[in-house]
Amino acid sequence: MVPTRAHRGVRGPFAVATSEDGNETAHAESAFGGAVSTRQEDLATVVSIWESIRTDACPWTRRET
């Protein structure tokens, strides 16, 4: 587990779901409820945050760019 304050932009739990047809939807929770988005900008943000958390939690999985 990584504290949310450790990663910029994280305000609570989030998830990305991929449907059978390949479309992705992001869901983010906050103290005031949840939000759902299919906007590419939002999905890119969530994926970027996830990669940052994953890299800190499992540094051996770091992807070279």
PDB file of N, CA and C in Angstrom:
ATOM      1  N   MET A   1       0.844  -1.177   0.000  1.00  0.00           N
ATOM      2  CA  MET A   1       0.000   0.000   0.000  1.00  0.00           C
ATOM      3  C   MET A   1       0.886   1.236   0.000  1.00  0.00           C
ATOM      4  N   VAL A   2       0.449   2.235  -0.747  1.00  0.00           N
ATOM      5  CA  VAL A   2       1.173   3.489  -0.845  1.00  0.00           C
ATOM      6  C   VAL A   2       0.247   4.608  -0.399  1.00  0.00           C
ATOM      7  N   PRO A   3       0.683   5.466   0.539  1.00  0.00           N
ATOM      8  CA  PRO A   3      -0.188   6.571   0.966  1.00  0.00           C
ATOM      9  C   PRO A   3      -0.542   7.475  -0.213  1.00  0.00           C
ATOM     10  N   THR A   4      -1.780   7.936  -0.282  1.00  0.00           N
ATOM     11  CA  THR A   4      -2.193   8.783  -1.403  1.00  0.00           C
ATOM     12  C   THR A   4      -1.409  10.073  -1.439  1.00  0.00           C
ATOM     13  N   ARG A   5      -0.945  10.564  -0.299  1.00  0.00           N
ATOM     14  CA  ARG A   5      -0.184  11.812  -0.294  1.00  0.00           C
ATOM     15  C   ARG A   5       1.174  11.643  -0.961  1.00  0.00           C
ATOM     16  N   ALA A   6       1.600  10.405  -1.169  1.00  0.00           N
ATOM     17  CA  ALA A   6       2.904  10.139  -1.768  1.00  0.00           C
ATOM     18  C   ALA A   6       2.906  10.333  -3.278  1.00  0.00           C
ATOM     19  N   HIS A   7       1.728  10.397  -3.878  1.00  0.00           N
ATOM     20  CA  HIS A   7       1.635  10.508  -5.332  1.00  0.00           C
ATOM     21  C   HIS A   7       0.710  11.648  -5.725  1.00  0.00           C
ATOM     22  N   ARG A   8       1.268  12.585  -6.439  1.00  0.00           N
ATOM     23  CA  ARG A   8       0.514  13.747  -6.878  1.00  0.00           C
ATOM     24  C   ARG A   8      -0.677  13.328  -7.735  1.00  0.00           C
ATOM     25  N   GLY A   9      -1.826  13.895  -7.451  1.00  0.00           N
ATOM     26  CA  GLY A   9      -3.014  13.627  -8.238  1.00  0.00           C
ATOM     27  C   GLY A   9      -3.900  12.535  -7.694  1.00  0.00           C
ATOM     28  N   VAL A  10      -3.414  11.762  -6.729  1.00  0.00           N
ATOM     29  CA  VAL A  10      -4.218  10.682  -6.160  1.00  0.00           C
ATOM     30  C   VAL A  10      -5.036  11.239  -5.013  1.00  0.00           C
ATOM     31  N   ARG A  11      -6.344  11.133  -5.125  1.00  0.00           N
ATOM     32  CA  ARG A  11      -7.241  11.622  -4.085  1.00  0.00           C
ATOM     33  C   ARG A  11      -8.027  10.494  -3.437  1.00  0.00           C
ATOM     34  N   GLY A  12      -7.835   9.275  -3.909  1.00  0.00           N
ATOM     35  CA  GLY A  12      -8.547   8.130  -3.383  1.00  0.00           C
ATOM     36  C   GLY A  12      -8.438   6.961  -4.341  1.00  0.00           C
ATOM     37  N   PRO A  13      -9.198   5.903  -4.083  1.00  0.00           N
ATOM     38  CA  PRO A  13      -9.148   4.712  -4.934  1.00  0.00           C
ATOM     39  C   PRO A  13      -9.611   5.004  -6.362  1.00  0.00           C
ATOM     40  N   PHE A  14      -9.031   4.276  -7.301  1.00  0.00           N
ATOM     41  CA  PHE A  14      -9.463   4.395  -8.693  1.00  0.00           C
ATOM     42  C   PHE A  14      -9.289   3.051  -9.377  1.00  0.00           C
ATOM     43  N   ALA A  15      -9.960   2.890 -10.507  1.00  0.00           N
ATOM     44  CA  ALA A  15      -9.874   1.658 -11.287  1.00  0.00           C
ATOM     45  C   ALA A  15     -10.097   1.972 -12.753  1.00  0.00           C
ATOM     46  N   VAL A  16      -9.564   1.131 -13.612  1.00  0.00           N
ATOM     47  CA  VAL A  16      -9.827   1.207 -15.045  1.00  0.00           C
ATOM     48  C   VAL A  16     -10.394  -0.137 -15.460  1.00  0.00           C
ATOM     49  N   ALA A  17     -11.540  -0.108 -16.110  1.00  0.00           N
ATOM     50  CA  ALA A  17     -12.178  -1.328 -16.606  1.00  0.00           C
ATOM     51  C   ALA A  17     -12.124  -1.335 -18.127  1.00  0.00           C
ATOM     52  N   THR A  18     -11.848  -2.489 -18.689  1.00  0.00           N
ATOM     53  CA  THR A  18     -11.829  -2.640 -20.137  1.00  0.00           C
ATOM     54  C   THR A  18     -12.948  -3.602 -20.529  1.00  0.00           C
ATOM     55  N   SER A  19     -13.833  -3.146 -21.403  1.00  0.00           N
ATOM     56  CA  SER A  19     -14.949  -3.984 -21.839  1.00  0.00           C
ATOM     57  C   SER A  19     -14.474  -4.981 -22.900  1.00  0.00           C
ATOM     58  N   GLU A  20     -15.320  -5.917 -23.235  1.00  0.00           N
ATOM     59  CA  GLU A  20     -14.981  -6.927 -24.232  1.00  0.00           C
ATOM     60  C   GLU A  20     -14.613  -6.324 -25.576  1.00  0.00           C
ATOM     61  N   ASP A  21     -15.205  -5.168 -25.904  1.00  0.00           N
ATOM     62  CA  ASP A  21     -14.902  -4.535 -27.191  1.00  0.00           C
ATOM     63  C   ASP A  21     -13.669  -3.631 -27.124  1.00  0.00           C
ATOM     64  N   GLY A  22     -12.985  -3.611 -25.969  1.00  0.00           N
ATOM     65  CA  GLY A  22     -11.745  -2.863 -25.840  1.00  0.00           C
ATOM     66  C   GLY A  22     -11.888  -1.447 -25.317  1.00  0.00           C
ATOM     67  N   ASN A  23     -13.107  -0.972 -25.133  1.00  0.00           N
ATOM     68  CA  ASN A  23     -13.299   0.374 -24.601  1.00  0.00           C
ATOM     69  C   ASN A  23     -12.949   0.402 -23.124  1.00  0.00           C
ATOM     70  N   GLU A  24     -12.322   1.504 -22.694  1.00  0.00           N
ATOM     71  CA  GLU A  24     -11.921   1.637 -21.300  1.00  0.00           C
ATOM     72  C   GLU A  24     -12.740   2.703 -20.594  1.00  0.00           C
ATOM     73  N   THR A  25     -12.971   2.468 -19.311  1.00  0.00           N
ATOM     74  CA  THR A  25     -13.692   3.408 -18.455  1.00  0.00           C
ATOM     75  C   THR A  25     -12.923   3.523 -17.151  1.00  0.00           C
ATOM     76  N   ALA A  26     -12.732   4.760 -16.704  1.00  0.00           N
ATOM     77  CA  ALA A  26     -12.067   4.996 -15.424  1.00  0.00           C
ATOM     78  C   ALA A  26     -13.108   5.339 -14.377  1.00  0.00           C
ATOM     79  N   HIS A  27     -12.881   4.848 -13.163  1.00  0.00           N
ATOM     80  CA  HIS A  27     -13.734   5.182 -12.027  1.00  0.00           C
ATOM     81  C   HIS A  27     -12.824   5.659 -10.908  1.00  0.00           C
ATOM     82  N   ALA A  28     -13.114   6.843 -10.356  1.00  0.00           N
ATOM     83  CA  ALA A  28     -12.332   7.393  -9.249  1.00  0.00           C
ATOM     84  C   ALA A  28     -13.271   7.760  -8.115  1.00  0.00           C
ATOM     85  N   GLU A  29     -12.871   7.403  -6.909  1.00  0.00           N
ATOM     86  CA  GLU A  29     -13.675   7.708  -5.730  1.00  0.00           C
ATOM     87  C   GLU A  29     -13.055   8.864  -4.959  1.00  0.00           C
ATOM     88  N   SER A  30     -13.902   9.565  -4.242  1.00  0.00           N
ATOM     89  CA  SER A  30     -13.445  10.624  -3.345  1.00  0.00           C
ATOM     90  C   SER A  30     -14.352  10.610  -2.117  1.00  0.00           C
ATOM     91  N   ALA A  31     -14.113  11.505  -1.205  1.00  0.00           N
ATOM     92  CA  ALA A  31     -14.945  11.599  -0.003  1.00  0.00           C
ATOM     93  C   ALA A  31     -16.370  12.021  -0.339  1.00  0.00           C
ATOM     94  N   PHE A  32     -16.570  12.563  -1.534  1.00  0.00           N
ATOM     95  CA  PHE A  32     -17.874  13.087  -1.929  1.00  0.00           C
ATOM     96  C   PHE A  32     -18.605  12.219  -2.936  1.00  0.00           C
ATOM     97  N   GLY A  33     -18.084  11.039  -3.221  1.00  0.00           N
ATOM     98  CA  GLY A  33     -18.727  10.148  -4.173  1.00  0.00           C
ATOM     99  C   GLY A  33     -17.742   9.685  -5.234  1.00  0.00           C
ATOM    100  N   GLY A  34     -18.262   9.107  -6.286  1.00  0.00           N
ATOM    101  CA  GLY A  34     -17.413   8.594  -7.350  1.00  0.00           C
ATOM    102  C   GLY A  34     -17.669   9.303  -8.659  1.00  0.00           C
ATOM    103  N   ALA A  35     -16.710   9.178  -9.559  1.00  0.00           N
ATOM    104  CA  ALA A  35     -16.832   9.758 -10.897  1.00  0.00           C
ATOM    105  C   ALA A  35     -16.409   8.705 -11.911  1.00  0.00           C
ATOM    106  N   VAL A  36     -17.097   8.688 -13.037  1.00  0.00           N
ATOM    107  CA  VAL A  36     -16.802   7.758 -14.119  1.00  0.00           C
ATOM    108  C   VAL A  36     -16.484   8.569 -15.363  1.00  0.00           C
ATOM    109  N   SER A  37     -15.463   8.130 -16.108  1.00  0.00           N
ATOM    110  CA  SER A  37     -15.088   8.855 -17.314  1.00  0.00           C
ATOM    111  C   SER A  37     -14.596   7.899 -18.380  1.00  0.00           C
ATOM    112  N   THR A  38     -14.871   8.239 -19.621  1.00  0.00           N
ATOM    113  CA  THR A  38     -14.324   7.526 -20.777  1.00  0.00           C
ATOM    114  C   THR A  38     -13.445   8.460 -21.609  1.00  0.00           C
ATOM    115  N   ARG A  39     -13.207   9.673 -21.106  1.00  0.00           N
ATOM    116  CA  ARG A  39     -12.368  10.634 -21.832  1.00  0.00           C
ATOM    117  C   ARG A  39     -10.933  10.131 -21.886  1.00  0.00           C
ATOM    118  N   GLN A  40     -10.320  10.207 -23.045  1.00  0.00           N
ATOM    119  CA  GLN A  40      -8.944   9.737 -23.215  1.00  0.00           C
ATOM    120  C   GLN A  40      -7.976  10.473 -22.292  1.00  0.00           C
ATOM    121  N   GLU A  41      -8.219  11.764 -22.067  1.00  0.00           N
ATOM    122  CA  GLU A  41      -7.352  12.549 -21.185  1.00  0.00           C
ATOM    123  C   GLU A  41      -7.395  12.001 -19.748  1.00  0.00           C
ATOM    124  N   ASP A  42      -8.591  11.673 -19.284  1.00  0.00           N
ATOM    125  CA  ASP A  42      -8.749  11.130 -17.934  1.00  0.00           C
ATOM    126  C   ASP A  42      -8.112   9.746 -17.819  1.00  0.00           C
ATOM    127  N   LEU A  43      -8.318   8.922 -18.826  1.00  0.00           N
ATOM    128  CA  LEU A  43      -7.719   7.585 -18.824  1.00  0.00           C
ATOM    129  C   LEU A  43      -6.197   7.677 -18.823  1.00  0.00           C
ATOM    130  N   ALA A  44      -5.641   8.598 -19.604  1.00  0.00           N
ATOM    131  CA  ALA A  44      -4.191   8.772 -19.636  1.00  0.00           C
ATOM    132  C   ALA A  44      -3.670   9.215 -18.275  1.00  0.00           C
ATOM    133  N   THR A  45      -4.400  10.077 -17.591  1.00  0.00           N
ATOM    134  CA  THR A  45      -3.999  10.527 -16.259  1.00  0.00           C
ATOM    135  C   THR A  45      -3.989   9.373 -15.276  1.00  0.00           C
ATOM    136  N   VAL A  46      -5.051   8.572 -15.278  1.00  0.00           N
ATOM    137  CA  VAL A  46      -5.152   7.438 -14.356  1.00  0.00           C
ATOM    138  C   VAL A  46      -4.039   6.423 -14.632  1.00  0.00           C
ATOM    139  N   VAL A  47      -3.774   6.142 -15.880  1.00  0.00           N
ATOM    140  CA  VAL A  47      -2.710   5.190 -16.227  1.00  0.00           C
ATOM    141  C   VAL A  47      -1.351   5.735 -15.784  1.00  0.00           C
ATOM    142  N   SER A  48      -1.127   7.020 -15.964  1.00  0.00           N
ATOM    143  CA  SER A  48       0.129   7.638 -15.535  1.00  0.00           C
ATOM    144  C   SER A  48       0.310   7.532 -14.022  1.00  0.00           C
ATOM    145  N   ILE A  49      -0.752   7.805 -13.283  1.00  0.00           N
ATOM    146  CA  ILE A  49      -0.694   7.685 -11.826  1.00  0.00           C
ATOM    147  C   ILE A  49      -0.412   6.237 -11.440  1.00  0.00           C
ATOM    148  N   TRP A  50      -1.107   5.299 -12.080  1.00  0.00           N
ATOM    149  CA  TRP A  50      -0.900   3.888 -11.771  1.00  0.00           C
ATOM    150  C   TRP A  50       0.552   3.477 -12.028  1.00  0.00           C
ATOM    151  N   GLU A  51       1.120   3.893 -13.147  1.00  0.00           N
ATOM    152  CA  GLU A  51       2.500   3.540 -13.469  1.00  0.00           C
ATOM    153  C   GLU A  51       3.457   4.096 -12.421  1.00  0.00           C
ATOM    154  N   SER A  52       3.191   5.291 -11.919  1.00  0.00           N
ATOM    155  CA  SER A  52       4.018   5.893 -10.877  1.00  0.00           C
ATOM    156  C   SER A  52       3.952   5.068  -9.593  1.00  0.00           C
ATOM    157  N   ILE A  53       2.748   4.671  -9.200  1.00  0.00           N
ATOM    158  CA  ILE A  53       2.574   3.860  -7.992  1.00  0.00           C
ATOM    159  C   ILE A  53       3.221   2.492  -8.164  1.00  0.00           C
ATOM    160  N   ARG A  54       2.994   1.872  -9.306  1.00  0.00           N
ATOM    161  CA  ARG A  54       3.543   0.535  -9.569  1.00  0.00           C
ATOM    162  C   ARG A  54       5.066   0.563  -9.537  1.00  0.00           C
ATOM    163  N   THR A  55       5.660   1.600 -10.111  1.00  0.00           N
ATOM    164  CA  THR A  55       7.111   1.718 -10.138  1.00  0.00           C
ATOM    165  C   THR A  55       7.683   1.871  -8.736  1.00  0.00           C
ATOM    166  N   ASP A  56       7.003   2.662  -7.886  1.00  0.00           N
ATOM    167  CA  ASP A  56       7.472   2.810  -6.509  1.00  0.00           C
ATOM    168  C   ASP A  56       7.305   1.520  -5.719  1.00  0.00           C
ATOM    169  N   ALA A  57       6.203   0.819  -5.934  1.00  0.00           N
ATOM    170  CA  ALA A  57       5.924  -0.400  -5.193  1.00  0.00           C
ATOM    171  C   ALA A  57       6.771  -1.575  -5.663  1.00  0.00           C
ATOM    172  N   CYS A  58       7.039  -1.618  -6.955  1.00  0.00           N
ATOM    173  CA  CYS A  58       7.772  -2.735  -7.557  1.00  0.00           C
ATOM    174  C   CYS A  58       8.833  -2.168  -8.519  1.00  0.00           C
ATOM    175  N   PRO A  59       9.926  -1.625  -8.002  1.00  0.00           N
ATOM    176  CA  PRO A  59      10.885  -0.942  -8.870  1.00  0.00           C
ATOM    177  C   PRO A  59      11.476  -1.841  -9.961  1.00  0.00           C
ATOM    178  N   TRP A  60      11.484  -3.149  -9.760  1.00  0.00           N
ATOM    179  CA  TRP A  60      12.020  -4.058 -10.768  1.00  0.00           C
ATOM    180  C   TRP A  60      11.132  -4.141 -12.013  1.00  0.00           C
ATOM    181  N   THR A  61       9.907  -3.575 -11.947  1.00  0.00           N
ATOM    182  CA  THR A  61       9.011  -3.597 -13.107  1.00  0.00           C
ATOM    183  C   THR A  61       9.092  -2.306 -13.912  1.00  0.00           C
ATOM    184  N   ARG A  62      10.004  -1.416 -13.532  1.00  0.00           N
ATOM    185  CA  ARG A  62      10.141  -0.122 -14.223  1.00  0.00           C
ATOM    186  C   ARG A  62      10.342  -0.339 -15.712  1.00  0.00           C
ATOM    187  N   ARG A  63       9.595   0.414 -16.487  1.00  0.00           N
ATOM    188  CA  ARG A  63       9.719   0.332 -17.952  1.00  0.00           C
ATOM    189  C   ARG A  63      10.708   1.387 -18.414  1.00  0.00           C
ATOM    190  N   GLU A  64      11.623   0.972 -19.236  1.00  0.00           N
ATOM    191  CA  GLU A  64      12.609   1.903 -19.791  1.00  0.00           C
ATOM    192  C   GLU A  64      11.976   2.656 -20.952  1.00  0.00           C
ATOM    193  N   THR A  65      12.193   3.964 -21.000  1.00  0.00           N
ATOM    194  CA  THR A  65      11.644   4.768 -22.098  1.00  0.00           C
ATOM    195  C   THR A  65      12.733   5.291 -22.976  1.00  0.00           C
TER     196      THR A  65
END
